N, C-alpha and C. Protein backbone atom coordinates (compact mmCIF):
# COMPACT_ATOMS: atom_id res chain seq x y z
N MET A 1 0.82 -1.19 0.00
CA MET A 1 0.00 0.00 0.00
C MET A 1 0.87 1.26 0.00
N LYS A 2 1.92 1.25 0.83
CA LYS A 2 2.80 2.40 0.90
C LYS A 2 3.56 2.60 -0.40
N ILE A 3 3.90 1.50 -1.06
CA ILE A 3 4.64 1.61 -2.32
C ILE A 3 3.76 2.23 -3.39
N ARG A 4 2.48 1.85 -3.43
CA ARG A 4 1.56 2.44 -4.40
C ARG A 4 1.42 3.94 -4.17
N LEU A 5 1.29 4.33 -2.92
CA LEU A 5 1.17 5.75 -2.59
C LEU A 5 2.44 6.50 -2.99
N LEU A 6 3.58 5.92 -2.71
CA LEU A 6 4.85 6.53 -3.06
C LEU A 6 4.99 6.67 -4.58
N LEU A 7 4.61 5.64 -5.34
CA LEU A 7 4.68 5.70 -6.80
C LEU A 7 3.69 6.73 -7.36
N ALA A 8 2.52 6.81 -6.76
CA ALA A 8 1.54 7.80 -7.21
C ALA A 8 2.05 9.21 -6.97
N LEU A 9 2.63 9.45 -5.81
CA LEU A 9 3.18 10.77 -5.50
C LEU A 9 4.35 11.11 -6.43
N ALA A 10 5.20 10.13 -6.71
CA ALA A 10 6.33 10.36 -7.62
C ALA A 10 5.81 10.68 -9.02
N GLY A 11 4.78 9.98 -9.45
CA GLY A 11 4.19 10.26 -10.76
C GLY A 11 3.61 11.66 -10.83
N LEU A 12 2.94 12.09 -9.77
CA LEU A 12 2.39 13.45 -9.74
C LEU A 12 3.49 14.50 -9.78
N VAL A 13 4.56 14.28 -9.03
CA VAL A 13 5.67 15.23 -9.02
C VAL A 13 6.28 15.35 -10.41
N ILE A 14 6.51 14.23 -11.06
CA ILE A 14 7.09 14.25 -12.41
C ILE A 14 6.10 14.88 -13.38
N GLY A 15 4.83 14.56 -13.24
CA GLY A 15 3.82 15.11 -14.12
C GLY A 15 3.70 16.62 -14.05
N PHE A 16 3.89 17.18 -12.86
CA PHE A 16 3.82 18.63 -12.71
C PHE A 16 5.15 19.31 -13.03
N ALA A 17 6.25 18.62 -12.88
CA ALA A 17 7.56 19.23 -13.09
C ALA A 17 7.92 19.32 -14.57
N LEU A 18 7.54 18.35 -15.38
CA LEU A 18 7.92 18.36 -16.79
C LEU A 18 7.36 19.55 -17.56
N PRO A 19 6.08 19.89 -17.44
CA PRO A 19 5.60 21.07 -18.17
C PRO A 19 6.29 22.36 -17.72
N ALA A 20 6.60 22.48 -16.45
CA ALA A 20 7.26 23.68 -15.95
C ALA A 20 8.67 23.82 -16.54
N THR A 21 9.40 22.72 -16.64
CA THR A 21 10.75 22.80 -17.21
C THR A 21 10.69 23.01 -18.71
N ALA A 22 9.65 22.55 -19.37
CA ALA A 22 9.53 22.74 -20.82
C ALA A 22 9.32 24.21 -21.15
N LEU A 23 8.65 24.95 -20.29
CA LEU A 23 8.41 26.37 -20.53
C LEU A 23 9.66 27.22 -20.35
N GLU A 24 10.55 26.81 -19.49
CA GLU A 24 11.73 27.62 -19.18
C GLU A 24 12.62 27.84 -20.39
N GLY A 25 12.71 26.91 -21.30
CA GLY A 25 13.58 27.03 -22.45
C GLY A 25 13.10 28.04 -23.47
N ASN A 26 11.81 28.35 -23.51
CA ASN A 26 11.25 29.22 -24.54
C ASN A 26 10.98 30.63 -24.04
N LEU A 27 11.39 30.98 -22.86
CA LEU A 27 11.06 32.30 -22.32
C LEU A 27 11.68 33.43 -23.13
N ALA A 28 12.88 33.25 -23.63
CA ALA A 28 13.52 34.31 -24.40
C ALA A 28 12.74 34.58 -25.68
N GLY A 29 12.28 33.53 -26.35
CA GLY A 29 11.49 33.70 -27.55
C GLY A 29 10.14 34.34 -27.26
N ASP A 30 9.55 33.99 -26.12
CA ASP A 30 8.26 34.56 -25.74
C ASP A 30 8.39 36.04 -25.44
N VAL A 31 9.45 36.43 -24.76
CA VAL A 31 9.66 37.84 -24.44
C VAL A 31 9.86 38.64 -25.72
N LYS A 32 10.63 38.09 -26.65
CA LYS A 32 10.86 38.77 -27.93
C LYS A 32 9.55 38.92 -28.70
N ALA A 33 8.74 37.86 -28.72
CA ALA A 33 7.45 37.93 -29.42
C ALA A 33 6.53 38.95 -28.78
N LEU A 34 6.53 39.01 -27.45
CA LEU A 34 5.69 40.00 -26.75
C LEU A 34 6.15 41.42 -27.06
N ASP A 35 7.46 41.62 -27.13
CA ASP A 35 7.99 42.95 -27.47
C ASP A 35 7.59 43.34 -28.89
N GLU A 36 7.69 42.39 -29.83
CA GLU A 36 7.30 42.67 -31.21
C GLU A 36 5.81 42.97 -31.31
N PHE A 37 5.00 42.23 -30.58
CA PHE A 37 3.56 42.46 -30.59
C PHE A 37 3.23 43.82 -29.98
N GLY A 38 3.94 44.20 -28.93
CA GLY A 38 3.73 45.52 -28.33
C GLY A 38 4.10 46.64 -29.29
N ALA A 39 5.20 46.47 -30.02
CA ALA A 39 5.61 47.47 -31.00
C ALA A 39 4.59 47.57 -32.12
N PHE A 40 4.05 46.44 -32.56
CA PHE A 40 3.01 46.44 -33.58
C PHE A 40 1.77 47.18 -33.09
N GLY A 41 1.40 46.94 -31.85
CA GLY A 41 0.23 47.60 -31.27
C GLY A 41 0.40 49.11 -31.22
N LYS A 42 1.60 49.56 -30.87
CA LYS A 42 1.86 51.00 -30.83
C LYS A 42 1.76 51.62 -32.22
N LYS A 43 2.36 50.95 -33.22
CA LYS A 43 2.29 51.45 -34.59
C LYS A 43 0.84 51.49 -35.07
N TYR A 44 0.09 50.44 -34.74
CA TYR A 44 -1.32 50.37 -35.14
C TYR A 44 -2.12 51.51 -34.51
N ASP A 45 -1.92 51.73 -33.21
CA ASP A 45 -2.64 52.80 -32.51
C ASP A 45 -2.31 54.18 -33.09
N GLU A 46 -1.02 54.42 -33.36
CA GLU A 46 -0.61 55.71 -33.91
C GLU A 46 -1.25 55.95 -35.28
N ALA A 47 -1.20 54.95 -36.15
CA ALA A 47 -1.79 55.09 -37.48
C ALA A 47 -3.30 55.26 -37.40
N TYR A 48 -3.94 54.52 -36.50
CA TYR A 48 -5.39 54.61 -36.35
C TYR A 48 -5.81 55.99 -35.83
N ASN A 49 -5.09 56.48 -34.83
CA ASN A 49 -5.42 57.79 -34.25
C ASN A 49 -5.18 58.93 -35.22
N GLN A 50 -4.26 58.75 -36.16
CA GLN A 50 -3.99 59.78 -37.17
C GLN A 50 -4.83 59.59 -38.42
N SER A 51 -5.71 58.59 -38.41
CA SER A 51 -6.57 58.26 -39.56
C SER A 51 -5.74 58.04 -40.83
N ASP A 52 -4.62 57.35 -40.68
CA ASP A 52 -3.70 57.09 -41.80
C ASP A 52 -3.93 55.67 -42.31
N ALA A 53 -4.83 55.53 -43.29
CA ALA A 53 -5.18 54.21 -43.82
C ALA A 53 -3.99 53.53 -44.49
N ALA A 54 -3.14 54.29 -45.16
CA ALA A 54 -1.98 53.71 -45.83
C ALA A 54 -1.01 53.11 -44.82
N ALA A 55 -0.81 53.79 -43.70
CA ALA A 55 0.08 53.26 -42.66
C ALA A 55 -0.52 52.01 -42.02
N LEU A 56 -1.82 51.99 -41.83
CA LEU A 56 -2.48 50.80 -41.29
C LEU A 56 -2.33 49.63 -42.25
N ALA A 57 -2.55 49.86 -43.52
CA ALA A 57 -2.45 48.79 -44.52
C ALA A 57 -1.02 48.26 -44.61
N ALA A 58 -0.04 49.12 -44.41
CA ALA A 58 1.36 48.70 -44.50
C ALA A 58 1.73 47.74 -43.37
N LEU A 59 0.97 47.73 -42.30
CA LEU A 59 1.26 46.83 -41.18
C LEU A 59 0.86 45.38 -41.48
N PHE A 60 0.04 45.17 -42.50
CA PHE A 60 -0.46 43.84 -42.81
C PHE A 60 0.10 43.33 -44.13
N THR A 61 0.17 42.01 -44.26
CA THR A 61 0.61 41.39 -45.50
C THR A 61 -0.57 41.23 -46.44
N GLU A 62 -0.28 40.81 -47.66
CA GLU A 62 -1.34 40.65 -48.66
C GLU A 62 -2.35 39.57 -48.25
N ASP A 63 -1.89 38.55 -47.52
CA ASP A 63 -2.78 37.46 -47.13
C ASP A 63 -3.20 37.54 -45.66
N ALA A 64 -3.16 38.73 -45.08
CA ALA A 64 -3.51 38.91 -43.68
C ALA A 64 -4.99 38.67 -43.43
N VAL A 65 -5.30 38.21 -42.23
CA VAL A 65 -6.68 38.04 -41.80
C VAL A 65 -6.82 38.70 -40.44
N LEU A 66 -7.71 39.68 -40.34
CA LEU A 66 -7.97 40.38 -39.09
C LEU A 66 -9.32 39.93 -38.57
N VAL A 67 -9.33 39.42 -37.34
CA VAL A 67 -10.57 38.94 -36.73
C VAL A 67 -11.01 39.95 -35.68
N THR A 68 -12.21 40.49 -35.85
CA THR A 68 -12.76 41.47 -34.91
C THR A 68 -14.17 41.04 -34.55
N PRO A 69 -14.75 41.65 -33.53
CA PRO A 69 -16.15 41.33 -33.22
C PRO A 69 -17.10 41.67 -34.37
N GLU A 70 -16.70 42.60 -35.23
CA GLU A 70 -17.53 42.98 -36.36
C GLU A 70 -17.45 41.98 -37.52
N GLY A 71 -16.43 41.14 -37.53
CA GLY A 71 -16.29 40.14 -38.59
C GLY A 71 -14.85 39.92 -39.00
N LEU A 72 -14.66 39.20 -40.09
CA LEU A 72 -13.34 38.88 -40.63
C LEU A 72 -12.99 39.85 -41.75
N PHE A 73 -11.75 40.30 -41.74
CA PHE A 73 -11.25 41.16 -42.82
C PHE A 73 -9.99 40.52 -43.35
N SER A 74 -9.86 40.44 -44.66
CA SER A 74 -8.68 39.80 -45.23
C SER A 74 -7.99 40.72 -46.22
N GLY A 75 -6.68 40.51 -46.37
CA GLY A 75 -5.87 41.30 -47.28
C GLY A 75 -5.54 42.66 -46.67
N ARG A 76 -4.93 43.51 -47.50
CA ARG A 76 -4.58 44.84 -47.01
C ARG A 76 -5.79 45.72 -47.05
């Protein structure tokens, strides 16, 4: 009985530890992606507030898809 409990606890510890260690390796990439997304948001806000449609369109690629509560928008 004690061995089963010990094995169950060991399994739980390993089960919770593996996902946590898997995340540690990608933190640098996540921080970079968050910084890039923040910079995109600032550019988007500036262009939107200045009513600059050309600057807004330049932020997107030809095959872009924008999802909003109003619907889907594709392309530039």
